[in-house]
Amino acid sequence: MKSAERVWVFDLDNTLHNAFPHIFPHINRAMTEYLMAHLKLDEAGANQLREHYWHRYGATLLGLMRHHGTDPDHFLWETHQFPDLPRMVVKERGLRAMLRRLPGRKVVFSNAPIHYTRAVLAILHIADLFDGVFSVEHTGYWPKPYAQGFHRLFRKLKLNPRRAVMVEDSVGNLRTAKRLGMKTVWVTPAVKRPAFVDVNVRSVLQLPRLTNKLF
């Protein structure tokens, strides 16, 4: 990927599909069960610790790695197994057509593990439209919003952040993206936006009409 090319960097969950109804509750339950099994906690204690690490580090995984020596690959594999993933993915009609209309290259940058990320992209029928998929393993387990993960993305894909747009539902991740020189699009029902967000949209389907403004 040439550094002068325009690049769209997409988050996955709650950006390219809606993870709130089925997927996030399932992951939260799986993480709680993992903590119960491997740290010998009751359900209340496991829930409390999961949420504590998430708030403190931005990801439960980082807390487990730092304080308990948890194997990140084992944790990610065990907590991202789904009984019926195609039924759980909530997608918007017209997503593929929208992505094909966007000028420039497109990559996915997700805090989720690679096996899950690729599975969701396949279910959405959009995997072939992306030139790269960058998951939490590729960040060296420095998930967004940590700048270390972004820098690894830039190096790996030879990406010039000043020619890139970050499309995200997480405002904290967009703060880092903007600080590093990227344009920022916040996928949110919110009307107001912070100064580090260039554009906010209710749906990624609105992106084609914003191309000139962003680039």
C-alpha atoms as a PDB file:
ATOM      1  CA  MET A   1       0.000   0.000   0.000  1.00  0.00           C
ATOM      2  CA  LYS A   2       1.537   3.287  -1.104  1.00  0.00           C
ATOM      3  CA  SER A   3       1.744   6.024   1.521  1.00  0.00           C
ATOM      4  CA  ALA A   4       0.282   8.628  -0.866  1.00  0.00           C
ATOM      5  CA  GLU A   5      -2.944   6.670  -1.411  1.00  0.00           C
ATOM      6  CA  ARG A   6      -6.172   7.637   0.264  1.00  0.00           C
ATOM      7  CA  VAL A   7      -7.139   5.002   2.800  1.00  0.00           C
ATOM      8  CA  TRP A   8     -10.316   4.324   4.771  1.00  0.00           C
ATOM      9  CA  VAL A   9      -9.596   2.579   8.083  1.00  0.00           C
ATOM     10  CA  PHE A  10     -12.729   0.926   9.461  1.00  0.00           C
ATOM     11  CA  ASP A  11     -13.429  -0.388  12.897  1.00  0.00           C
ATOM     12  CA  LEU A  12     -15.513  -3.582  12.807  1.00  0.00           C
ATOM     13  CA  ASP A  13     -17.965  -3.963  15.696  1.00  0.00           C
ATOM     14  CA  ASN A  14     -20.703  -1.311  15.844  1.00  0.00           C
ATOM     15  CA  THR A  15     -19.227   0.315  12.751  1.00  0.00           C
ATOM     16  CA  LEU A  16     -19.596  -2.186   9.911  1.00  0.00           C
ATOM     17  CA  HIS A  17     -22.278  -4.139  11.777  1.00  0.00           C
ATOM     18  CA  ASN A  18     -24.325  -3.844  14.959  1.00  0.00           C
ATOM     19  CA  ALA A  19     -22.761  -5.911  17.737  1.00  0.00           C
ATOM     20  CA  PHE A  20     -24.960  -4.632  20.559  1.00  0.00           C
ATOM     21  CA  PRO A  21     -27.948  -7.018  20.374  1.00  0.00           C
ATOM     22  CA  HIS A  22     -26.219 -10.403  20.286  1.00  0.00           C
ATOM     23  CA  ILE A  23     -22.443 -10.374  19.949  1.00  0.00           C
ATOM     24  CA  PHE A  24     -21.325  -8.061  22.749  1.00  0.00           C
ATOM     25  CA  PRO A  25     -23.553  -9.713  25.389  1.00  0.00           C
ATOM     26  CA  HIS A  26     -22.184 -13.104  24.310  1.00  0.00           C
ATOM     27  CA  ILE A  27     -18.553 -11.905  24.530  1.00  0.00           C
ATOM     28  CA  ASN A  28     -19.138 -10.375  27.957  1.00  0.00           C
ATOM     29  CA  ARG A  29     -20.599 -13.659  29.223  1.00  0.00           C
ATOM     30  CA  ALA A  30     -17.718 -15.616  27.710  1.00  0.00           C
ATOM     31  CA  MET A  31     -15.136 -13.337  29.345  1.00  0.00           C
ATOM     32  CA  THR A  32     -16.840 -13.632  32.713  1.00  0.00           C
ATOM     33  CA  GLU A  33     -16.875 -17.428  32.397  1.00  0.00           C
ATOM     34  CA  TYR A  34     -13.194 -17.382  31.434  1.00  0.00           C
ATOM     35  CA  LEU A  35     -12.288 -15.399  34.555  1.00  0.00           C
ATOM     36  CA  MET A  36     -14.405 -17.719  36.699  1.00  0.00           C
ATOM     37  CA  ALA A  37     -12.650 -20.798  35.303  1.00  0.00           C
ATOM     38  CA  HIS A  38      -9.065 -19.551  35.225  1.00  0.00           C
ATOM     39  CA  LEU A  39      -8.956 -17.210  38.223  1.00  0.00           C
ATOM     40  CA  LYS A  40     -11.306 -19.264  40.414  1.00  0.00           C
ATOM     41  CA  LEU A  41     -13.749 -16.393  40.943  1.00  0.00           C
ATOM     42  CA  ASP A  42     -17.502 -16.464  41.467  1.00  0.00           C
ATOM     43  CA  GLU A  43     -19.683 -14.816  38.845  1.00  0.00           C
ATOM     44  CA  ALA A  44     -20.003 -11.495  40.676  1.00  0.00           C
ATOM     45  CA  GLY A  45     -16.263 -11.243  41.254  1.00  0.00           C
ATOM     46  CA  ALA A  46     -15.467 -12.169  37.667  1.00  0.00           C
ATOM     47  CA  ASN A  47     -17.886  -9.584  36.318  1.00  0.00           C
ATOM     48  CA  GLN A  48     -16.444  -6.918  38.583  1.00  0.00           C
ATOM     49  CA  LEU A  49     -12.854  -7.688  37.591  1.00  0.00           C
ATOM     50  CA  ARG A  50     -13.723  -7.837  33.870  1.00  0.00           C
ATOM     51  CA  GLU A  51     -15.311  -4.404  34.030  1.00  0.00           C
ATOM     52  CA  HIS A  52     -12.521  -2.995  36.217  1.00  0.00           C
ATOM     53  CA  TYR A  53      -9.823  -3.995  33.740  1.00  0.00           C
ATOM     54  CA  TRP A  54     -11.907  -2.733  30.835  1.00  0.00           C
ATOM     55  CA  HIS A  55     -12.294   0.705  32.426  1.00  0.00           C
ATOM     56  CA  ARG A  56      -8.669   0.893  33.612  1.00  0.00           C
ATOM     57  CA  TYR A  57      -6.896  -0.401  30.500  1.00  0.00           C
ATOM     58  CA  GLY A  58      -9.466  -0.078  27.715  1.00  0.00           C
ATOM     59  CA  ALA A  59      -9.492  -3.867  27.349  1.00  0.00           C
ATOM     60  CA  THR A  60     -10.009  -6.692  29.827  1.00  0.00           C
ATOM     61  CA  LEU A  61      -7.225  -8.617  28.096  1.00  0.00           C
ATOM     62  CA  LEU A  62      -4.541  -6.083  29.048  1.00  0.00           C
ATOM     63  CA  GLY A  63      -5.424  -6.329  32.720  1.00  0.00           C
ATOM     64  CA  LEU A  64      -5.296 -10.118  32.577  1.00  0.00           C
ATOM     65  CA  MET A  65      -1.928 -10.091  30.826  1.00  0.00           C
ATOM     66  CA  ARG A  66      -0.397  -7.575  33.234  1.00  0.00           C
ATOM     67  CA  HIS A  67      -1.706  -8.979  36.493  1.00  0.00           C
ATOM     68  CA  HIS A  68      -2.275 -12.681  35.848  1.00  0.00           C
ATOM     69  CA  GLY A  69       0.054 -13.686  33.021  1.00  0.00           C
ATOM     70  CA  THR A  70      -2.874 -14.731  30.831  1.00  0.00           C
ATOM     71  CA  ASP A  71      -2.014 -16.131  27.395  1.00  0.00           C
ATOM     72  CA  PRO A  72      -3.661 -13.587  25.057  1.00  0.00           C
ATOM     73  CA  ASP A  73      -4.212 -16.003  22.182  1.00  0.00           C
ATOM     74  CA  HIS A  74      -5.922 -18.539  24.435  1.00  0.00           C
ATOM     75  CA  PHE A  75      -8.129 -15.855  25.967  1.00  0.00           C
ATOM     76  CA  LEU A  76      -9.140 -14.409  22.590  1.00  0.00           C
ATOM     77  CA  TRP A  77      -9.904 -17.820  21.107  1.00  0.00           C
ATOM     78  CA  GLU A  78     -11.960 -18.994  24.072  1.00  0.00           C
ATOM     79  CA  THR A  79     -13.987 -15.785  24.397  1.00  0.00           C
ATOM     80  CA  HIS A  80     -14.769 -15.384  20.693  1.00  0.00           C
ATOM     81  CA  GLN A  81     -16.555 -18.647  19.958  1.00  0.00           C
ATOM     82  CA  PHE A  82     -20.135 -18.298  18.748  1.00  0.00           C
ATOM     83  CA  PRO A  83     -22.873 -20.931  18.453  1.00  0.00           C
ATOM     84  CA  ASP A  84     -24.467 -19.304  15.404  1.00  0.00           C
ATOM     85  CA  LEU A  85     -22.481 -16.273  14.282  1.00  0.00           C
ATOM     86  CA  PRO A  86     -24.386 -15.659  11.000  1.00  0.00           C
ATOM     87  CA  ARG A  87     -27.609 -15.238  12.967  1.00  0.00           C
ATOM     88  CA  MET A  88     -25.934 -12.935  15.501  1.00  0.00           C
ATOM     89  CA  VAL A  89     -24.470 -10.446  13.006  1.00  0.00           C
ATOM     90  CA  VAL A  90     -26.863  -7.540  12.427  1.00  0.00           C
ATOM     91  CA  LYS A  91     -26.036  -5.894   9.089  1.00  0.00           C
ATOM     92  CA  GLU A  92     -27.331  -2.991   7.047  1.00  0.00           C
ATOM     93  CA  ARG A  93     -28.583  -3.505   3.529  1.00  0.00           C
ATOM     94  CA  GLY A  94     -26.449  -1.641   1.023  1.00  0.00           C
ATOM     95  CA  LEU A  95     -23.174  -1.984   2.924  1.00  0.00           C
ATOM     96  CA  ARG A  96     -21.312  -3.707   0.101  1.00  0.00           C
ATOM     97  CA  ALA A  97     -22.524  -1.225  -2.509  1.00  0.00           C
ATOM     98  CA  MET A  98     -21.472   1.689  -0.284  1.00  0.00           C
ATOM     99  CA  LEU A  99     -17.958   0.326   0.199  1.00  0.00           C
ATOM    100  CA  ARG A 100     -17.522  -0.209  -3.527  1.00  0.00           C
ATOM    101  CA  ARG A 101     -18.412   3.446  -4.121  1.00  0.00           C
ATOM    102  CA  LEU A 102     -15.773   4.805  -1.767  1.00  0.00           C
ATOM    103  CA  PRO A 103     -12.620   5.998  -3.563  1.00  0.00           C
ATOM    104  CA  GLY A 104      -9.307   4.753  -2.241  1.00  0.00           C
ATOM    105  CA  ARG A 105      -8.158   1.694  -0.360  1.00  0.00           C
ATOM    106  CA  LYS A 106      -9.931   0.221   2.627  1.00  0.00           C
ATOM    107  CA  VAL A 107      -8.630  -1.658   5.660  1.00  0.00           C
ATOM    108  CA  VAL A 108     -10.165  -3.001   8.848  1.00  0.00           C
ATOM    109  CA  PHE A 109      -8.576  -2.160  12.207  1.00  0.00           C
ATOM    110  CA  SER A 110     -10.280  -4.097  14.998  1.00  0.00           C
ATOM    111  CA  ASN A 111      -9.630  -4.841  18.652  1.00  0.00           C
ATOM    112  CA  ALA A 112     -11.162  -8.264  18.026  1.00  0.00           C
ATOM    113  CA  PRO A 113      -9.091 -11.375  17.199  1.00  0.00           C
ATOM    114  CA  ILE A 114      -8.348 -12.242  13.595  1.00  0.00           C
ATOM    115  CA  HIS A 115     -10.479 -15.421  13.403  1.00  0.00           C
ATOM    116  CA  TYR A 116     -13.571 -13.525  14.513  1.00  0.00           C
ATOM    117  CA  THR A 117     -12.858 -10.466  12.367  1.00  0.00           C
ATOM    118  CA  ARG A 118     -12.455 -12.520   9.197  1.00  0.00           C
ATOM    119  CA  ALA A 119     -15.575 -14.552   9.995  1.00  0.00           C
ATOM    120  CA  VAL A 120     -17.715 -11.432  10.388  1.00  0.00           C
ATOM    121  CA  LEU A 121     -16.383  -9.871   7.184  1.00  0.00           C
ATOM    122  CA  ALA A 122     -17.260 -13.089   5.342  1.00  0.00           C
ATOM    123  CA  ILE A 123     -20.789 -13.079   6.769  1.00  0.00           C
ATOM    124  CA  LEU A 124     -21.189  -9.447   5.674  1.00  0.00           C
ATOM    125  CA  HIS A 125     -19.976 -10.450   2.164  1.00  0.00           C
ATOM    126  CA  ILE A 126     -17.426  -7.643   2.115  1.00  0.00           C
ATOM    127  CA  ALA A 127     -14.117  -9.406   2.870  1.00  0.00           C
ATOM    128  CA  ASP A 128     -12.888  -9.042  -0.717  1.00  0.00           C
ATOM    129  CA  LEU A 129     -13.299  -5.247  -0.608  1.00  0.00           C
ATOM    130  CA  PHE A 130     -10.534  -4.724   1.975  1.00  0.00           C
ATOM    131  CA  ASP A 131      -6.809  -4.559   1.230  1.00  0.00           C
ATOM    132  CA  GLY A 132      -5.840  -5.435   4.761  1.00  0.00           C
ATOM    133  CA  VAL A 133      -7.228  -6.709   8.063  1.00  0.00           C
ATOM    134  CA  PHE A 134      -5.389  -5.567  11.188  1.00  0.00           C
ATOM    135  CA  SER A 135      -6.541  -7.250  14.387  1.00  0.00           C
ATOM    136  CA  VAL A 136      -5.517  -7.045  18.023  1.00  0.00           C
ATOM    137  CA  GLU A 137      -2.840  -9.734  17.530  1.00  0.00           C
ATOM    138  CA  HIS A 138      -1.146  -7.513  14.925  1.00  0.00           C
ATOM    139  CA  THR A 139      -0.959  -4.612  17.384  1.00  0.00           C
ATOM    140  CA  GLY A 140       1.233  -6.640  19.728  1.00  0.00           C
ATOM    141  CA  TYR A 141      -1.804  -6.657  22.042  1.00  0.00           C
ATOM    142  CA  TRP A 142      -1.890  -2.864  22.244  1.00  0.00           C
ATOM    143  CA  PRO A 143      -5.538  -2.355  21.288  1.00  0.00           C
ATOM    144  CA  LYS A 144      -7.103   0.945  20.367  1.00  0.00           C
ATOM    145  CA  PRO A 145      -6.972   3.597  21.788  1.00  0.00           C
ATOM    146  CA  TYR A 146      -3.263   2.981  22.514  1.00  0.00           C
ATOM    147  CA  ALA A 147      -1.028   4.764  20.008  1.00  0.00           C
ATOM    148  CA  GLN A 148       1.340   1.770  19.844  1.00  0.00           C
ATOM    149  CA  GLY A 149      -1.251  -0.227  17.916  1.00  0.00           C
ATOM    150  CA  PHE A 150      -1.843   2.612  15.463  1.00  0.00           C
ATOM    151  CA  HIS A 151       1.868   2.964  14.793  1.00  0.00           C
ATOM    152  CA  ARG A 152       2.123  -0.750  14.042  1.00  0.00           C
ATOM    153  CA  LEU A 153      -0.770  -0.370  11.610  1.00  0.00           C
ATOM    154  CA  PHE A 154       0.959   2.529   9.840  1.00  0.00           C
ATOM    155  CA  ARG A 155       4.228   0.614   9.521  1.00  0.00           C
ATOM    156  CA  LYS A 156       2.728  -2.700   8.474  1.00  0.00           C
ATOM    157  CA  LEU A 157       0.502  -1.235   5.760  1.00  0.00           C
ATOM    158  CA  LYS A 158       2.879   1.632   4.847  1.00  0.00           C
ATOM    159  CA  LEU A 159       0.032   3.972   5.602  1.00  0.00           C
ATOM    160  CA  ASN A 160       0.362   7.756   5.751  1.00  0.00           C
ATOM    161  CA  PRO A 161      -2.004   8.845   8.556  1.00  0.00           C
ATOM    162  CA  ARG A 162      -2.517  12.233   6.909  1.00  0.00           C
ATOM    163  CA  ARG A 163      -4.026  10.464   3.901  1.00  0.00           C
ATOM    164  CA  ALA A 164      -6.256   8.235   6.023  1.00  0.00           C
ATOM    165  CA  VAL A 165      -9.718   8.407   7.569  1.00  0.00           C
ATOM    166  CA  MET A 166     -10.582   6.486  10.748  1.00  0.00           C
ATOM    167  CA  VAL A 167     -14.236   5.373  10.855  1.00  0.00           C
ATOM    168  CA  GLU A 168     -15.189   4.332  14.386  1.00  0.00           C
ATOM    169  CA  ASP A 169     -18.001   4.116  16.923  1.00  0.00           C
ATOM    170  CA  SER A 170     -15.601   4.694  19.841  1.00  0.00           C
ATOM    171  CA  VAL A 171     -14.851   8.343  20.503  1.00  0.00           C
ATOM    172  CA  GLY A 172     -11.790   7.445  22.577  1.00  0.00           C
ATOM    173  CA  ASN A 173     -10.219   5.637  19.630  1.00  0.00           C
ATOM    174  CA  LEU A 174     -10.913   8.620  17.408  1.00  0.00           C
ATOM    175  CA  ARG A 175      -9.107  10.926  19.828  1.00  0.00           C
ATOM    176  CA  THR A 176      -5.907   8.954  19.297  1.00  0.00           C
ATOM    177  CA  ALA A 177      -6.455   8.752  15.534  1.00  0.00           C
ATOM    178  CA  LYS A 178      -6.823  12.527  15.277  1.00  0.00           C
ATOM    179  CA  ARG A 179      -3.754  13.160  17.423  1.00  0.00           C
ATOM    180  CA  LEU A 180      -1.754  10.986  15.026  1.00  0.00           C
ATOM    181  CA  GLY A 181      -2.901  12.968  11.994  1.00  0.00           C
ATOM    182  CA  MET A 182      -5.885  11.003  10.688  1.00  0.00           C
ATOM    183  CA  LYS A 183      -9.250  12.374   9.637  1.00  0.00           C
ATOM    184  CA  THR A 184     -11.997  11.066  11.906  1.00  0.00           C
ATOM    185  CA  VAL A 185     -15.573   9.878  11.384  1.00  0.00           C
ATOM    186  CA  TRP A 186     -17.678   9.026  14.425  1.00  0.00           C
ATOM    187  CA  VAL A 187     -20.469   6.516  13.825  1.00  0.00           C
ATOM    188  CA  THR A 188     -23.036   7.559  16.418  1.00  0.00           C
ATOM    189  CA  PRO A 189     -26.609   8.774  16.905  1.00  0.00           C
ATOM    190  CA  ALA A 190     -25.185  11.776  18.797  1.00  0.00           C
ATOM    191  CA  VAL A 191     -25.751  15.192  17.249  1.00  0.00           C
ATOM    192  CA  LYS A 192     -22.854  17.074  18.829  1.00  0.00           C
ATOM    193  CA  ARG A 193     -19.252  16.035  18.308  1.00  0.00           C
ATOM    194  CA  PRO A 194     -15.965  16.835  20.061  1.00  0.00           C
ATOM    195  CA  ALA A 195     -13.346  18.950  18.320  1.00  0.00           C
ATOM    196  CA  PHE A 196     -11.209  15.955  17.364  1.00  0.00           C
ATOM    197  CA  VAL A 197     -14.058  14.437  15.324  1.00  0.00           C
ATOM    198  CA  ASP A 198     -14.283  15.781  11.768  1.00  0.00           C
ATOM    199  CA  VAL A 199     -17.657  14.255  10.881  1.00  0.00           C
ATOM    200  CA  ASN A 200     -20.292  12.248  12.695  1.00  0.00           C
ATOM    201  CA  VAL A 201     -22.769   9.953  10.921  1.00  0.00           C
ATOM    202  CA  ARG A 202     -25.554   7.695  12.098  1.00  0.00           C
ATOM    203  CA  SER A 203     -24.522   5.022   9.618  1.00  0.00           C
ATOM    204  CA  VAL A 204     -21.498   4.215   7.462  1.00  0.00           C
ATOM    205  CA  LEU A 205     -23.917   4.209   4.522  1.00  0.00           C
ATOM    206  CA  GLN A 206     -23.633   8.014   4.592  1.00  0.00           C
ATOM    207  CA  LEU A 207     -19.900   8.018   3.861  1.00  0.00           C
ATOM    208  CA  PRO A 208     -19.878   8.419   0.035  1.00  0.00           C
ATOM    209  CA  ARG A 209     -21.425  11.874   0.208  1.00  0.00           C
ATOM    210  CA  LEU A 210     -18.733  13.000   2.662  1.00  0.00           C
ATOM    211  CA  THR A 211     -15.732  12.013   0.545  1.00  0.00           C
ATOM    212  CA  ASN A 212     -14.937  15.488  -0.748  1.00  0.00           C
ATOM    213  CA  LYS A 213     -15.230  17.024   2.703  1.00  0.00           C
ATOM    214  CA  LEU A 214     -12.880  14.478   4.286  1.00  0.00           C
ATOM    215  CA  PHE A 215     -10.236  14.425   1.542  1.00  0.00           C
END
